[in-house]
Amino acid sequence: MTTVTQSIPPAFTGLKTSADLARAAKAATPQEATTPAVATTTKTAIPASESTTTTTDSTSTSTSETTAATPTLSSDFNTFLQMLTVQMKNQDPLNPIDSSDYAVQLATFSSVEQQVVTNDLLEGLGAQMGAMGMAQLAGWVGMDARSSSAGYFDGSPISLSPSPERLADQTTLVVRDASNTIVQRIDVPVSADTIEWAGVGEDGLPFAAGVYRFELESYANDELLGASTVDTYTRITEARNDNGTTMLLLEGGTQIAAAQITALRQAD
């Protein structure tokens, strides 16, 4: 790292004999006078990871992420410097590479290096936020959550929250089992009030325990206006962190994101 920050013109790097130095000096162009600027740019680019590490001191998790990423970035930077040195050694003495080209290469690598570190820090921050969200949602466990997911029937009625079309004068509840087969169609009041599905067939026997989905068909003058998914209330059994996203596990095994919950109520 130290040899890169010295104010040595790129055309002179790697030259070992006096004859080589003489030829390089003869071939040097006026642009080499700006070479010290390259050294300054290089010196700024090298400690990019150091400045990022200072930013991450606020959280131990983010700091560990940066520490883990540093060896890889350092290795990549060393490889880049080796390639740059080879390029300087093998340049045409009669037509040396412009010093501004080196500055562009160094600036480009520095930008990529900082972006990689930033991405690692964002991943760490996302994981922290996910953990915080899960802790806050721990109180939801045991409550009934309303969502558009399937409801679980275990012999007890399932609370449904229908949303009929505004012009509907008749609505029909369509019930589907886990295989998406329609097992029941029932006429229900044209209302957005919560209704209870008893889970009992026309023969008076209860349906098998399992997961059921519900749709509401809205009609006007016996003409279908549309069908919409009916929200269900299902017990929350677990909150978990899945790749930085807080997920809720419902009775019956259905897993949904916390953002999909539209209402909560105390369990009966």
Protein backbone atom coordinates (compact mmCIF):
# COMPACT_ATOMS: atom_id res chain seq x y z
CA MET A 1 0.00 0.00 0.00
CA THR A 2 2.82 2.45 0.89
CA THR A 3 4.52 2.28 -2.49
CA VAL A 4 1.29 3.27 -4.21
CA THR A 5 0.92 6.50 -2.29
CA GLN A 6 4.39 7.79 -3.10
CA SER A 7 4.63 10.61 -5.61
CA ILE A 8 6.36 8.52 -8.28
CA PRO A 9 5.34 9.18 -11.87
CA PRO A 10 3.66 6.10 -13.37
CA ALA A 11 6.18 5.95 -16.20
CA PHE A 12 9.03 5.43 -13.69
CA THR A 13 7.39 2.63 -11.67
CA GLY A 14 9.06 -0.74 -12.13
CA LEU A 15 12.21 0.69 -13.84
CA LYS A 16 15.32 -0.69 -12.22
CA THR A 17 18.37 0.33 -14.33
CA SER A 18 19.74 3.78 -15.04
CA ALA A 19 19.22 3.16 -18.75
CA ASP A 20 15.54 2.47 -18.11
CA LEU A 21 15.24 5.66 -16.08
CA ALA A 22 16.94 7.67 -18.81
CA ARG A 23 14.59 6.37 -21.48
CA ALA A 24 11.56 7.01 -19.28
CA ALA A 25 12.71 10.56 -18.52
CA LYS A 26 13.25 11.27 -22.22
CA ALA A 27 9.83 9.90 -23.11
CA ALA A 28 8.00 11.71 -20.27
CA THR A 29 5.36 14.14 -21.37
CA PRO A 30 4.32 17.43 -19.70
CA GLN A 31 1.28 15.62 -18.37
CA GLU A 32 3.48 13.82 -15.89
CA ALA A 33 3.62 17.04 -13.89
CA THR A 34 0.12 16.25 -12.72
CA THR A 35 1.16 12.82 -11.43
CA PRO A 36 1.18 13.92 -7.74
CA ALA A 37 -2.59 14.32 -8.09
CA VAL A 38 -2.75 10.59 -8.85
CA ALA A 39 -0.89 9.85 -5.65
CA THR A 40 -3.36 12.00 -3.74
CA THR A 41 -6.33 10.26 -5.36
CA THR A 42 -4.83 6.85 -4.63
CA LYS A 43 -4.23 7.73 -1.02
CA THR A 44 -7.87 8.74 -0.63
CA ALA A 45 -9.18 5.62 -2.31
CA ILE A 46 -7.12 3.12 -0.32
CA PRO A 47 -8.66 3.75 3.13
CA ALA A 48 -12.23 3.64 1.81
CA SER A 49 -13.04 0.69 4.02
CA GLU A 50 -11.57 2.51 7.04
CA SER A 51 -13.93 5.45 6.67
CA THR A 52 -16.84 3.05 6.29
CA THR A 53 -15.78 1.14 9.39
CA THR A 54 -15.91 4.37 11.42
CA THR A 55 -19.52 4.87 10.32
CA THR A 56 -20.48 1.41 11.55
CA ASP A 57 -19.17 1.86 15.10
CA SER A 58 -22.75 2.62 16.21
CA THR A 59 -23.78 -1.04 16.07
CA SER A 60 -21.72 -4.12 16.86
CA THR A 61 -23.49 -6.20 14.23
CA SER A 62 -22.75 -3.78 11.40
CA THR A 63 -19.12 -3.54 12.54
CA SER A 64 -18.72 -7.30 12.39
CA GLU A 65 -20.20 -7.27 8.89
CA THR A 66 -17.62 -4.71 7.79
CA THR A 67 -14.79 -6.63 9.46
CA ALA A 68 -15.81 -9.77 7.61
CA ALA A 69 -15.94 -7.94 4.29
CA THR A 70 -12.59 -6.14 4.75
CA PRO A 71 -10.25 -9.10 3.97
CA THR A 72 -12.04 -9.75 0.67
CA LEU A 73 -11.94 -6.10 -0.33
CA SER A 74 -8.29 -5.82 0.71
CA SER A 75 -7.43 -8.87 -1.39
CA ASP A 76 -9.29 -7.45 -4.38
CA PHE A 77 -7.52 -4.12 -3.99
CA ASN A 78 -4.12 -5.80 -3.84
CA THR A 79 -4.95 -7.69 -7.02
CA PHE A 80 -5.99 -4.44 -8.64
CA LEU A 81 -2.71 -2.79 -7.65
CA GLN A 82 -0.72 -5.70 -9.03
CA MET A 83 -2.53 -5.46 -12.34
CA LEU A 84 -2.00 -1.71 -12.40
CA THR A 85 1.72 -2.17 -11.70
CA VAL A 86 2.03 -4.68 -14.54
CA GLN A 87 0.26 -2.25 -16.82
CA MET A 88 2.70 0.50 -15.86
CA LYS A 89 5.73 -1.77 -16.33
CA ASN A 90 4.66 -2.85 -19.79
CA GLN A 91 3.53 0.48 -21.20
CA ASP A 92 5.13 1.87 -24.33
CA PRO A 93 7.98 4.21 -23.22
CA LEU A 94 7.44 6.29 -26.34
CA ASN A 95 3.73 6.59 -25.68
CA PRO A 96 3.18 6.35 -21.91
CA ILE A 97 -0.26 6.03 -20.43
CA ASP A 98 -1.80 9.33 -19.47
CA SER A 99 -1.76 9.87 -15.71
CA SER A 100 -5.44 10.81 -15.84
CA ASP A 101 -6.22 7.25 -16.94
CA TYR A 102 -4.70 5.96 -13.70
CA ALA A 103 -6.77 8.43 -11.73
CA VAL A 104 -9.94 7.21 -13.44
CA GLN A 105 -9.11 3.56 -12.71
CA LEU A 106 -8.35 4.26 -9.06
CA ALA A 107 -11.50 6.33 -8.62
CA THR A 108 -13.62 3.62 -10.27
CA PHE A 109 -12.25 0.88 -8.04
CA SER A 110 -12.70 3.04 -4.95
CA SER A 111 -16.34 3.65 -5.87
CA VAL A 112 -17.03 -0.06 -6.36
CA GLU A 113 -15.21 -0.88 -3.12
CA GLN A 114 -17.32 1.56 -1.13
CA GLN A 115 -20.53 0.28 -2.75
CA VAL A 116 -19.73 -3.31 -1.72
CA VAL A 117 -19.15 -2.23 1.87
CA THR A 118 -22.36 -0.18 1.82
CA ASN A 119 -24.36 -3.18 0.62
CA ASP A 120 -22.95 -5.31 3.45
CA LEU A 121 -23.89 -2.63 5.98
CA LEU A 122 -27.42 -2.37 4.58
CA GLU A 123 -27.87 -6.13 4.89
CA GLY A 124 -26.76 -5.98 8.51
CA LEU A 125 -29.11 -3.07 9.18
CA GLY A 126 -32.00 -4.91 7.56
CA ALA A 127 -31.38 -7.94 9.77
CA GLN A 128 -31.36 -5.72 12.86
CA MET A 129 -34.61 -4.04 11.86
CA GLY A 130 -36.17 -7.44 11.22
CA ALA A 131 -35.17 -8.62 14.68
CA MET A 132 -36.61 -5.46 16.24
CA GLY A 133 -39.86 -5.92 14.32
CA MET A 134 -40.14 -9.52 15.46
CA ALA A 135 -39.67 -8.49 19.09
CA GLN A 136 -42.42 -5.88 18.76
CA LEU A 137 -44.78 -8.42 17.17
CA ALA A 138 -44.20 -11.01 19.88
CA GLY A 139 -47.29 -9.66 21.61
CA TRP A 140 -49.38 -10.65 18.59
CA VAL A 141 -48.88 -14.34 19.26
CA GLY A 142 -52.14 -15.83 20.52
CA MET A 143 -54.30 -13.11 18.94
CA ASP A 144 -56.68 -13.50 15.99
CA ALA A 145 -55.37 -11.78 12.87
CA ARG A 146 -57.47 -10.71 9.90
CA SER A 147 -55.93 -11.32 6.50
CA SER A 148 -56.78 -12.54 3.01
CA SER A 149 -55.13 -15.89 3.72
CA ALA A 150 -56.99 -19.14 4.19
CA GLY A 151 -58.75 -19.85 7.47
CA TYR A 152 -58.21 -22.92 9.61
CA PHE A 153 -61.28 -24.95 10.63
CA ASP A 154 -60.97 -27.22 13.66
CA GLY A 155 -64.65 -27.61 14.45
CA SER A 156 -65.11 -24.06 15.74
CA PRO A 157 -66.73 -21.36 13.56
CA ILE A 158 -64.44 -19.14 11.47
CA SER A 159 -64.99 -15.38 11.52
CA LEU A 160 -65.18 -13.85 8.04
CA SER A 161 -65.00 -10.23 6.89
CA PRO A 162 -66.76 -9.89 3.51
CA SER A 163 -66.58 -6.89 1.15
CA PRO A 164 -69.61 -6.91 -1.17
CA GLU A 165 -69.85 -4.77 -4.31
CA ARG A 166 -71.51 -1.40 -3.71
CA LEU A 167 -74.45 -2.07 -6.06
CA ALA A 168 -74.98 -5.69 -5.02
CA ASP A 169 -78.44 -6.82 -3.96
CA GLN A 170 -77.44 -10.42 -3.37
CA THR A 171 -74.23 -12.09 -2.19
CA THR A 172 -73.12 -15.71 -2.11
CA LEU A 173 -70.30 -17.16 -0.03
CA VAL A 174 -68.18 -19.71 -1.89
CA VAL A 175 -66.10 -22.11 0.23
CA ARG A 176 -63.08 -24.01 -1.16
CA ASP A 177 -61.00 -26.65 0.56
CA ALA A 178 -57.21 -27.09 0.48
CA SER A 179 -57.41 -28.65 -3.00
CA ASN A 180 -59.33 -25.58 -4.28
CA THR A 181 -62.50 -27.64 -4.71
CA ILE A 182 -65.79 -25.85 -4.01
CA VAL A 183 -67.39 -27.60 -1.05
CA GLN A 184 -70.18 -25.15 -0.25
CA ARG A 185 -72.15 -22.18 -1.57
CA ILE A 186 -74.26 -20.15 0.86
CA ASP A 187 -76.37 -17.01 0.42
CA VAL A 188 -75.29 -14.41 2.99
CA PRO A 189 -76.56 -10.91 3.85
CA VAL A 190 -75.33 -8.03 1.69
CA SER A 191 -73.20 -6.47 4.39
CA ALA A 192 -69.61 -5.82 5.35
CA ASP A 193 -70.29 -6.96 8.91
CA THR A 194 -68.37 -9.93 10.25
CA ILE A 195 -70.11 -13.25 9.75
CA GLU A 196 -69.44 -16.70 11.21
CA TRP A 197 -68.96 -19.76 9.04
CA ALA A 198 -70.09 -22.76 11.05
CA GLY A 199 -68.38 -25.32 8.84
CA VAL A 200 -71.45 -27.53 8.62
CA GLY A 201 -72.66 -29.14 5.39
CA GLU A 202 -76.23 -29.54 4.12
CA ASP A 203 -76.33 -32.95 5.78
CA GLY A 204 -75.73 -31.32 9.13
CA LEU A 205 -72.29 -32.85 9.51
CA PRO A 206 -69.21 -30.69 10.08
CA PHE A 207 -66.55 -30.44 7.44
CA ALA A 208 -63.19 -32.06 7.98
CA ALA A 209 -60.61 -30.08 9.90
CA GLY A 210 -58.24 -28.19 7.64
CA VAL A 211 -57.61 -25.03 5.67
CA TYR A 212 -60.46 -23.34 3.76
CA ARG A 213 -60.58 -20.33 1.48
CA PHE A 214 -63.58 -18.07 0.97
CA GLU A 215 -64.87 -15.91 -1.88
CA LEU A 216 -67.83 -13.58 -2.07
CA GLU A 217 -69.86 -13.36 -5.28
CA SER A 218 -71.83 -10.13 -5.63
CA TYR A 219 -74.95 -10.01 -7.81
CA ALA A 220 -77.30 -7.26 -9.00
CA ASN A 221 -80.56 -8.29 -10.67
CA ASP A 222 -79.20 -11.85 -10.85
CA GLU A 223 -76.16 -10.65 -12.79
CA LEU A 224 -72.71 -11.32 -11.38
CA LEU A 225 -70.89 -8.08 -10.58
CA GLY A 226 -67.69 -9.70 -9.38
CA ALA A 227 -66.03 -12.03 -6.91
CA SER A 228 -63.68 -10.99 -4.13
CA THR A 229 -61.56 -12.78 -1.56
CA VAL A 230 -63.06 -12.84 1.91
CA ASP A 231 -60.74 -12.02 4.80
CA THR A 232 -60.57 -14.51 7.65
CA TYR A 233 -59.64 -14.27 11.32
CA THR A 234 -57.00 -16.87 12.22
CA ARG A 235 -55.00 -17.43 15.40
CA ILE A 236 -51.33 -16.37 15.32
CA THR A 237 -49.12 -19.11 16.73
CA GLU A 238 -45.60 -17.84 16.03
CA ALA A 239 -43.54 -14.85 14.85
CA ARG A 240 -40.28 -15.54 13.03
CA ASN A 241 -37.57 -13.74 11.08
CA ASP A 242 -37.22 -15.00 7.52
CA ASN A 243 -34.26 -13.37 5.71
CA GLY A 244 -34.89 -10.04 7.41
CA THR A 245 -38.67 -10.16 6.96
CA THR A 246 -40.94 -10.69 9.96
CA MET A 247 -43.30 -13.56 9.20
CA LEU A 248 -46.29 -14.79 11.17
CA LEU A 249 -47.31 -18.42 11.40
CA LEU A 250 -51.06 -19.00 11.61
CA GLU A 251 -53.05 -22.00 12.76
CA GLY A 252 -53.09 -24.60 10.04
CA GLY A 253 -49.52 -23.83 8.97
CA THR A 254 -50.19 -20.78 6.81
CA GLN A 255 -47.31 -18.28 6.89
CA ILE A 256 -47.78 -14.63 5.93
CA ALA A 257 -45.84 -11.39 6.23
CA ALA A 258 -46.77 -9.12 9.12
CA ALA A 259 -47.64 -6.39 6.59
CA GLN A 260 -50.53 -8.55 5.31
CA ILE A 261 -52.36 -8.34 8.62
CA THR A 262 -55.22 -5.83 8.37
CA ALA A 263 -56.70 -6.19 11.87
CA LEU A 264 -56.14 -7.84 15.24
CA ARG A 265 -58.47 -8.88 18.01
CA GLN A 266 -58.23 -10.76 21.26
CA ALA A 267 -58.84 -14.48 20.92
CA ASP A 268 -62.11 -15.82 22.31
